[in-house]
């Protein structure tokens, strides 16, 4: 954890004396807290982590999370039983610091006000950009965990054709997908599973309903596994029965767009360039203009992790150690859609696909 902490201070333009990561109640938890502490389990609601330029980290938490906290590597644990004790320990922790950094993007306003009150007049400064920059490059442990999460999702992707049956609902299939990920080793889902039959596939963020599966039709299934707090994000599109030939061509076009993007991924390439490579393929087809979102995003502790985006507006360049999704799609209102998505590690000389599963056209 020391290297992660020192990376944050190195990324800060004017490093503060101490940086705090504070959790409120779920779901308002600062993922930066888990990044700097490395705690393997637990919610840590109301807990605070303080980090220092030398790489030291102190964790203030309740007895509820003590056992989990003591499993964290290189962390000093202080167990707090009351609000008064929290205030006392917190003031000792901040000490004579003149500038206290906080991750403004993830701390709640209430928690910010409380900590500012405890900080004895120290100036509070935003270190969100430094935290995001540090988290954008994954270390060895993070790559291992994301890779495992992606492997679990890929195994589930291979099983999906065997799960399909006429008359099942989108909600039922979503449950089957999540059950499959659990059997394959996931501790949970990294986001709400998307299952969209037929015309519903034209909505990229569709929420599954009681609509029943009947052919011939296509479907978009977007899902992710959680493994030791790290996420994966995978999408596959299938045909049920034998839909119109144009839907097969649509799938092949998306597959070609994804391959064009893969071939451009390497350190130093802008995210916007990778997006443009995929968009060029789709815009050369009959579905010009129907690729309606960015090509991808970073993935890590969050399914939309801080880091480079693969979009037309992205100015950031890819760097070795980043993990991004590559997810081109075509969406036609009233007809349906196709999206193919994989998790990709940026390597020294190119890329490595972490979610290897068939991405070609499959009729069930």
Protein backbone atom coordinates (compact mmCIF):
# COMPACT_ATOMS: atom_id res chain seq x y z
CA UNK A 1 0.00 0.00 0.00
CA UNK A 2 2.94 2.34 0.58
CA UNK A 3 3.61 2.61 -3.14
CA UNK A 4 -0.04 3.50 -3.82
CA UNK A 5 0.03 6.18 -1.11
CA UNK A 6 3.29 7.70 -2.33
CA UNK A 7 1.92 7.68 -5.89
CA UNK A 8 -1.01 9.83 -4.74
CA UNK A 9 1.26 12.39 -3.06
CA UNK A 10 3.55 12.43 -6.11
CA UNK A 11 0.57 13.13 -8.38
CA UNK A 12 -0.65 16.07 -6.24
CA UNK A 13 0.41 19.46 -7.64
CA UNK A 14 0.85 20.94 -4.16
CA UNK A 15 0.88 17.95 -1.79
CA UNK A 16 -0.95 18.47 1.53
CA UNK A 17 0.46 17.38 4.89
CA UNK A 18 -2.04 14.55 5.25
CA UNK A 19 -4.84 13.08 3.11
CA UNK A 20 -8.09 11.69 4.50
CA UNK A 21 -10.46 9.13 2.99
CA UNK A 22 -13.80 9.04 4.78
CA UNK A 23 -16.78 6.73 4.44
CA UNK A 24 -20.38 7.54 5.26
CA UNK A 25 -23.07 4.84 5.05
CA UNK A 26 -23.30 2.47 2.09
CA UNK A 27 -23.46 3.21 -0.82
CA UNK A 28 -21.60 6.43 0.06
CA UNK A 29 -18.22 4.78 0.54
CA UNK A 30 -15.02 6.32 -0.81
CA UNK A 31 -13.35 3.68 -2.96
CA UNK A 32 -10.09 5.55 -2.40
CA UNK A 33 -10.35 4.30 1.21
CA UNK A 34 -10.13 0.70 -0.01
CA UNK A 35 -7.39 1.63 -2.49
CA UNK A 36 -5.02 2.95 0.21
CA UNK A 37 -5.86 0.46 2.98
CA UNK A 38 -6.22 -2.76 1.00
CA UNK A 39 -8.75 -4.12 3.51
CA UNK A 40 -9.95 -7.46 2.09
CA UNK A 41 -13.53 -7.35 3.40
CA UNK A 42 -15.96 -5.30 5.47
CA UNK A 43 -18.10 -2.20 4.87
CA UNK A 44 -16.20 0.28 7.05
CA UNK A 45 -19.13 2.66 7.29
CA UNK A 46 -18.10 5.82 9.19
CA UNK A 47 -14.43 4.86 9.04
CA UNK A 48 -11.56 7.19 8.16
CA UNK A 49 -8.14 6.45 6.66
CA UNK A 50 -5.33 8.99 6.96
CA UNK A 51 -2.28 8.73 4.73
CA UNK A 52 1.05 10.56 4.91
CA UNK A 53 3.79 11.39 2.38
CA UNK A 54 6.09 8.68 3.80
CA UNK A 55 3.53 6.03 2.85
CA UNK A 56 2.13 5.43 6.34
CA UNK A 57 -1.60 4.84 6.77
CA UNK A 58 -3.75 4.93 9.91
CA UNK A 59 -7.27 3.53 9.89
CA UNK A 60 -9.89 4.71 12.39
CA UNK A 61 -12.77 2.26 12.61
CA UNK A 62 -15.34 0.72 14.93
CA UNK A 63 -15.12 -2.66 16.71
CA UNK A 64 -17.52 -3.95 14.05
CA UNK A 65 -14.72 -3.93 11.46
CA UNK A 66 -11.70 -4.57 13.70
CA UNK A 67 -11.00 -8.11 12.51
CA UNK A 68 -11.20 -7.09 8.85
CA UNK A 69 -9.05 -4.01 9.47
CA UNK A 70 -6.24 -5.99 11.10
CA UNK A 71 -5.89 -8.10 7.95
CA UNK A 72 -4.88 -5.01 5.95
CA UNK A 73 -1.17 -4.85 5.06
CA UNK A 74 1.03 -2.00 6.40
CA UNK A 75 -1.83 -0.19 8.16
CA UNK A 76 -2.00 1.09 11.75
CA UNK A 77 -5.45 0.34 13.14
CA UNK A 78 -7.16 2.45 15.81
CA UNK A 79 -10.47 1.06 17.09
CA UNK A 80 -12.95 3.79 18.05
CA UNK A 81 -15.94 3.11 20.29
CA UNK A 82 -17.57 6.56 20.51
CA UNK A 83 -17.89 9.85 18.67
CA UNK A 84 -15.86 11.65 21.35
CA UNK A 85 -13.10 9.10 20.97
CA UNK A 86 -13.21 9.52 17.20
CA UNK A 87 -12.85 13.28 17.58
CA UNK A 88 -9.88 12.89 19.97
CA UNK A 89 -8.06 10.31 17.82
CA UNK A 90 -8.76 12.28 14.68
CA UNK A 91 -7.26 15.46 16.12
CA UNK A 92 -4.16 13.57 17.20
CA UNK A 93 -3.92 12.08 13.75
CA UNK A 94 -4.12 15.41 11.93
CA UNK A 95 -1.75 16.97 14.44
CA UNK A 96 -0.29 20.30 13.31
CA UNK A 97 -1.13 19.80 9.64
CA UNK A 98 -1.76 23.10 7.88
CA UNK A 99 -3.27 21.55 4.74
CA UNK A 100 -5.49 18.48 4.79
CA UNK A 101 -6.36 16.75 1.52
CA UNK A 102 -9.68 15.05 0.82
CA UNK A 103 -11.11 13.13 -2.11
CA UNK A 104 -13.90 15.61 -2.84
CA UNK A 105 -15.41 13.46 -5.60
CA UNK A 106 -16.42 10.73 -3.18
CA UNK A 107 -16.81 12.24 0.29
CA UNK A 108 -20.31 13.29 1.35
CA UNK A 109 -20.96 16.90 2.31
CA UNK A 110 -21.97 15.90 5.85
CA UNK A 111 -18.77 13.92 6.42
CA UNK A 112 -16.70 16.75 4.96
CA UNK A 113 -18.24 19.25 7.38
CA UNK A 114 -17.66 16.98 10.37
CA UNK A 115 -14.01 16.33 9.54
CA UNK A 116 -13.35 19.98 8.81
CA UNK A 117 -14.72 20.79 12.25
CA UNK A 118 -12.33 18.29 13.85
CA UNK A 119 -9.29 19.49 11.87
CA UNK A 120 -8.52 22.50 14.12
CA UNK A 121 -8.70 25.13 11.41
CA UNK A 122 -6.46 23.38 8.88
CA UNK A 123 -7.16 24.25 5.26
CA UNK A 124 -9.04 21.50 3.40
CA UNK A 125 -7.87 20.92 -0.19
CA UNK A 126 -9.14 18.73 -3.03
CA UNK A 127 -6.86 15.85 -4.10
CA UNK A 128 -9.40 14.11 -6.33
CA UNK A 129 -7.28 14.46 -9.47
CA UNK A 130 -4.22 12.98 -7.75
CA UNK A 131 -6.24 10.03 -6.45
CA UNK A 132 -7.75 9.43 -9.90
CA UNK A 133 -4.34 9.59 -11.56
CA UNK A 134 -2.87 7.09 -9.11
CA UNK A 135 -5.80 4.69 -9.45
CA UNK A 136 -5.72 4.82 -13.26
CA UNK A 137 -2.51 2.75 -13.35
CA UNK A 138 -3.11 -0.68 -11.87
CA UNK A 139 -0.42 -2.39 -9.80
CA UNK A 140 0.31 -6.10 -9.93
CA UNK A 141 -2.27 -7.05 -7.29
CA UNK A 142 -4.97 -5.00 -8.98
CA UNK A 143 -4.26 -6.53 -12.38
CA UNK A 144 -4.47 -10.01 -10.87
CA UNK A 145 -7.85 -9.27 -9.27
CA UNK A 146 -9.35 -7.59 -12.34
CA UNK A 147 -8.05 -10.46 -14.47
CA UNK A 148 -9.77 -12.97 -12.19
CA UNK A 149 -13.02 -10.96 -12.27
CA UNK A 150 -12.82 -10.86 -16.08
CA UNK A 151 -12.07 -14.57 -16.28
CA UNK A 152 -15.16 -15.32 -14.17
CA UNK A 153 -17.34 -13.16 -16.43
CA UNK A 154 -15.85 -14.78 -19.53
CA UNK A 155 -16.71 -18.24 -18.22
CA UNK A 156 -20.27 -17.08 -17.67
CA UNK A 157 -20.37 -15.62 -21.20
CA UNK A 158 -19.56 -19.07 -22.56
CA UNK A 159 -22.40 -20.58 -20.52
CA UNK A 160 -25.11 -18.11 -21.58
CA UNK A 161 -26.26 -20.02 -24.70
CA UNK A 162 -27.02 -23.05 -22.51
CA UNK A 163 -29.11 -20.85 -20.18
CA UNK A 164 -31.49 -19.62 -22.88
CA UNK A 165 -34.95 -21.12 -23.17
CA UNK A 166 -38.11 -19.97 -24.85
CA UNK A 167 -40.52 -18.19 -22.52
CA UNK A 168 -37.97 -17.12 -19.90
CA UNK A 169 -38.07 -13.45 -18.93
CA UNK A 170 -35.29 -10.88 -19.03
CA UNK A 171 -35.36 -10.85 -15.23
CA UNK A 172 -34.99 -14.63 -15.09
CA UNK A 173 -32.03 -14.61 -17.44
CA UNK A 174 -30.36 -11.82 -15.43
CA UNK A 175 -30.72 -13.97 -12.31
CA UNK A 176 -29.28 -16.99 -14.15
CA UNK A 177 -26.28 -14.95 -15.32
CA UNK A 178 -25.58 -13.71 -11.80
CA UNK A 179 -25.96 -17.23 -10.40
CA UNK A 180 -23.46 -18.47 -12.98
CA UNK A 181 -20.94 -15.80 -11.96
CA UNK A 182 -21.33 -16.83 -8.33
CA UNK A 183 -20.71 -20.49 -9.16
CA UNK A 184 -17.64 -19.44 -11.13
CA UNK A 185 -16.12 -17.64 -8.14
CA UNK A 186 -17.55 -14.12 -8.02
CA UNK A 187 -18.32 -12.55 -4.64
CA UNK A 188 -21.09 -10.53 -6.30
CA UNK A 189 -21.98 -8.52 -9.39
CA UNK A 190 -20.08 -5.36 -10.22
CA UNK A 191 -23.25 -3.61 -11.46
CA UNK A 192 -26.90 -4.38 -12.19
CA UNK A 193 -26.99 -6.98 -14.95
CA UNK A 194 -28.51 -5.80 -18.24
CA UNK A 195 -30.62 -8.22 -20.25
CA UNK A 196 -32.44 -6.72 -23.24
CA UNK A 197 -34.51 -8.83 -25.64
CA UNK A 198 -35.35 -7.66 -29.17
CA UNK A 199 -36.14 -3.91 -29.47
CA UNK A 200 -35.04 -3.38 -25.86
CA UNK A 201 -31.47 -3.91 -27.10
CA UNK A 202 -31.58 -0.42 -28.64
CA UNK A 203 -31.32 1.01 -25.09
CA UNK A 204 -27.69 0.70 -23.91
CA UNK A 205 -28.60 0.89 -20.19
CA UNK A 206 -31.87 -1.03 -20.30
CA UNK A 207 -33.17 -2.57 -17.06
CA UNK A 208 -34.56 -6.10 -17.42
CA UNK A 209 -38.33 -6.61 -17.27
CA UNK A 210 -40.84 -9.47 -17.34
CA UNK A 211 -40.67 -9.52 -21.16
CA UNK A 212 -40.45 -13.13 -22.35
CA UNK A 213 -37.91 -14.57 -24.77
CA UNK A 214 -39.35 -15.76 -28.06
CA UNK A 215 -37.67 -16.11 -31.42
CA UNK A 216 -36.53 -15.09 -33.79
CA UNK A 217 -34.85 -12.21 -31.97
CA UNK A 218 -31.56 -10.82 -30.75
CA UNK A 219 -30.49 -9.93 -27.23
CA UNK A 220 -27.85 -7.83 -25.47
CA UNK A 221 -26.48 -9.10 -22.14
CA UNK A 222 -24.12 -6.83 -20.17
CA UNK A 223 -22.74 -8.14 -16.86
CA UNK A 224 -19.74 -8.03 -14.57
CA UNK A 225 -18.23 -10.09 -11.76
CA UNK A 226 -16.85 -8.76 -8.50
CA UNK A 227 -13.71 -10.43 -7.16
CA UNK A 228 -11.92 -9.22 -4.01
CA UNK A 229 -13.49 -5.78 -4.50
CA UNK A 230 -12.43 -5.50 -8.17
CA UNK A 231 -14.78 -5.39 -11.14
CA UNK A 232 -15.13 -6.74 -14.64
CA UNK A 233 -17.49 -5.58 -17.38
CA UNK A 234 -18.42 -7.82 -20.31
CA UNK A 235 -21.16 -7.71 -22.95
CA UNK A 236 -22.20 -10.35 -25.43
CA UNK A 237 -25.04 -10.30 -27.97
CA UNK A 238 -26.82 -13.42 -29.16
CA UNK A 239 -29.47 -14.46 -31.66
CA UNK A 240 -32.34 -16.65 -30.49
CA UNK A 241 -33.84 -18.53 -33.41
CA UNK A 242 -32.92 -17.17 -36.83
CA UNK A 243 -33.49 -13.39 -37.03
CA UNK A 244 -33.30 -11.35 -40.21
CA UNK A 245 -29.98 -11.54 -42.04
CA UNK A 246 -29.30 -7.84 -41.42
CA UNK A 247 -28.96 -8.54 -37.69
CA UNK A 248 -26.16 -10.98 -38.38
CA UNK A 249 -24.47 -8.34 -40.52
CA UNK A 250 -24.94 -5.85 -37.68
CA UNK A 251 -23.15 -8.22 -35.31
CA UNK A 252 -20.29 -8.76 -37.73
CA UNK A 253 -19.91 -4.99 -38.14
CA UNK A 254 -19.63 -4.48 -34.37
CA UNK A 255 -17.13 -7.32 -34.14
CA UNK A 256 -15.00 -5.69 -36.85
CA UNK A 257 -15.23 -2.32 -35.07
CA UNK A 258 -14.00 -3.87 -31.84
CA UNK A 259 -11.09 -5.54 -33.63
CA UNK A 260 -10.11 -2.23 -35.24
CA UNK A 261 -10.00 -0.66 -31.78
CA UNK A 262 -7.95 -3.51 -30.31
CA UNK A 263 -5.30 -3.08 -32.97
CA UNK A 264 -4.74 0.55 -32.01
CA UNK A 265 -4.37 0.02 -28.25
CA UNK A 266 -0.88 0.68 -26.90
CA UNK A 267 0.80 3.22 -24.62
CA UNK A 268 0.86 6.76 -26.00
CA UNK A 269 -2.31 6.51 -28.09
CA UNK A 270 -5.12 8.91 -27.17
CA UNK A 271 -8.43 7.46 -26.05
CA UNK A 272 -10.18 9.49 -28.74
CA UNK A 273 -8.08 7.79 -31.43
CA UNK A 274 -9.15 4.33 -30.27
CA UNK A 275 -12.80 5.41 -30.30
CA UNK A 276 -12.39 6.85 -33.80
CA UNK A 277 -11.01 3.55 -35.12
CA UNK A 278 -14.17 1.70 -34.04
CA UNK A 279 -16.54 4.48 -35.12
CA UNK A 280 -14.97 4.57 -38.59
CA UNK A 281 -15.94 0.92 -39.17
CA UNK A 282 -19.53 1.45 -38.06
CA UNK A 283 -19.96 4.74 -39.94
CA UNK A 284 -18.82 3.02 -43.14
CA UNK A 285 -21.77 0.61 -42.82
CA UNK A 286 -25.50 1.13 -43.25
CA UNK A 287 -25.65 1.97 -39.53
CA UNK A 288 -23.76 5.25 -39.70
CA UNK A 289 -24.55 7.36 -36.64
CA UNK A 290 -26.01 4.45 -34.63
CA UNK A 291 -22.91 4.06 -32.41
CA UNK A 292 -24.21 6.44 -29.77
CA UNK A 293 -21.75 6.25 -26.85
CA UNK A 294 -18.04 6.29 -26.08
CA UNK A 295 -16.06 3.18 -26.87
CA UNK A 296 -15.01 2.44 -23.31
CA UNK A 297 -13.95 3.40 -19.81
CA UNK A 298 -11.46 2.44 -17.13
CA UNK A 299 -12.38 -0.43 -14.81
CA UNK A 300 -11.01 -1.35 -11.38
CA UNK A 301 -12.44 -0.90 -7.88
CA UNK A 302 -15.36 0.77 -9.65
CA UNK A 303 -16.85 -0.48 -12.89
CA UNK A 304 -16.39 3.10 -14.13
CA UNK A 305 -13.02 3.70 -12.52
CA UNK A 306 -11.04 6.95 -12.71
CA UNK A 307 -8.70 7.04 -15.67
CA UNK A 308 -8.65 7.36 -19.41
CA UNK A 309 -11.92 7.29 -21.34
CA UNK A 310 -12.20 5.95 -24.87
CA UNK A 311 -14.48 8.63 -26.27
CA UNK A 312 -14.43 11.37 -28.93
CA UNK A 313 -13.67 13.94 -26.21
CA UNK A 314 -10.87 12.02 -24.48
CA UNK A 315 -7.55 13.87 -24.50
CA UNK A 316 -5.75 11.43 -22.20
CA UNK A 317 -3.23 8.95 -23.56
CA UNK A 318 -3.17 5.27 -22.77
CA UNK A 319 -0.43 4.17 -20.38
CA UNK A 320 0.96 0.78 -19.48
CA UNK A 321 -1.04 -0.72 -16.61
CA UNK A 322 -4.38 0.83 -17.48
CA UNK A 323 -7.41 -1.46 -17.80
CA UNK A 324 -10.17 -0.30 -20.12
CA UNK A 325 -13.33 -1.67 -21.66
CA UNK A 326 -13.72 -1.79 -25.44
CA UNK A 327 -17.45 -1.87 -26.22
CA UNK A 328 -18.65 -0.73 -29.64
CA UNK A 329 -22.33 -1.07 -30.39
CA UNK A 330 -25.08 -0.42 -32.91
CA UNK A 331 -28.54 0.58 -31.72
CA UNK A 332 -31.63 0.79 -33.93
CA UNK A 333 -34.86 1.96 -32.23
CA UNK A 334 -37.74 -0.45 -32.77
CA UNK A 335 -35.38 -3.18 -34.00
CA UNK A 336 -32.75 -3.86 -31.37
CA UNK A 337 -29.03 -3.63 -30.92
CA UNK A 338 -25.69 -5.36 -30.73
CA UNK A 339 -22.86 -4.59 -28.29
CA UNK A 340 -19.64 -6.55 -27.75
CA UNK A 341 -17.51 -5.61 -24.76
CA UNK A 342 -14.25 -6.85 -23.27
CA UNK A 343 -11.83 -5.79 -20.54
CA UNK A 344 -8.38 -4.97 -21.91
CA UNK A 345 -5.03 -4.41 -20.17
CA UNK A 346 -2.68 -1.90 -21.78
CA UNK A 347 0.73 -3.62 -21.91
CA UNK A 348 4.22 -2.31 -22.63
CA UNK A 349 3.88 -2.85 -26.38
CA UNK A 350 0.16 -3.31 -26.96
CA UNK A 351 -2.75 -4.95 -25.18
CA UNK A 352 -4.03 -8.12 -23.55
CA UNK A 353 -7.72 -9.13 -23.57
CA UNK A 354 -8.63 -10.26 -20.05
CA UNK A 355 -12.16 -11.51 -20.81
CA UNK A 356 -11.52 -14.12 -23.47
CA UNK A 357 -14.82 -15.63 -24.62
CA UNK A 358 -16.31 -16.14 -28.12
CA UNK A 359 -17.38 -12.80 -29.57
CA UNK A 360 -18.56 -13.95 -32.96
CA UNK A 361 -22.19 -14.33 -34.09
CA UNK A 362 -23.98 -17.18 -32.27
CA UNK A 363 -27.51 -18.42 -33.01
CA UNK A 364 -29.19 -20.45 -30.27
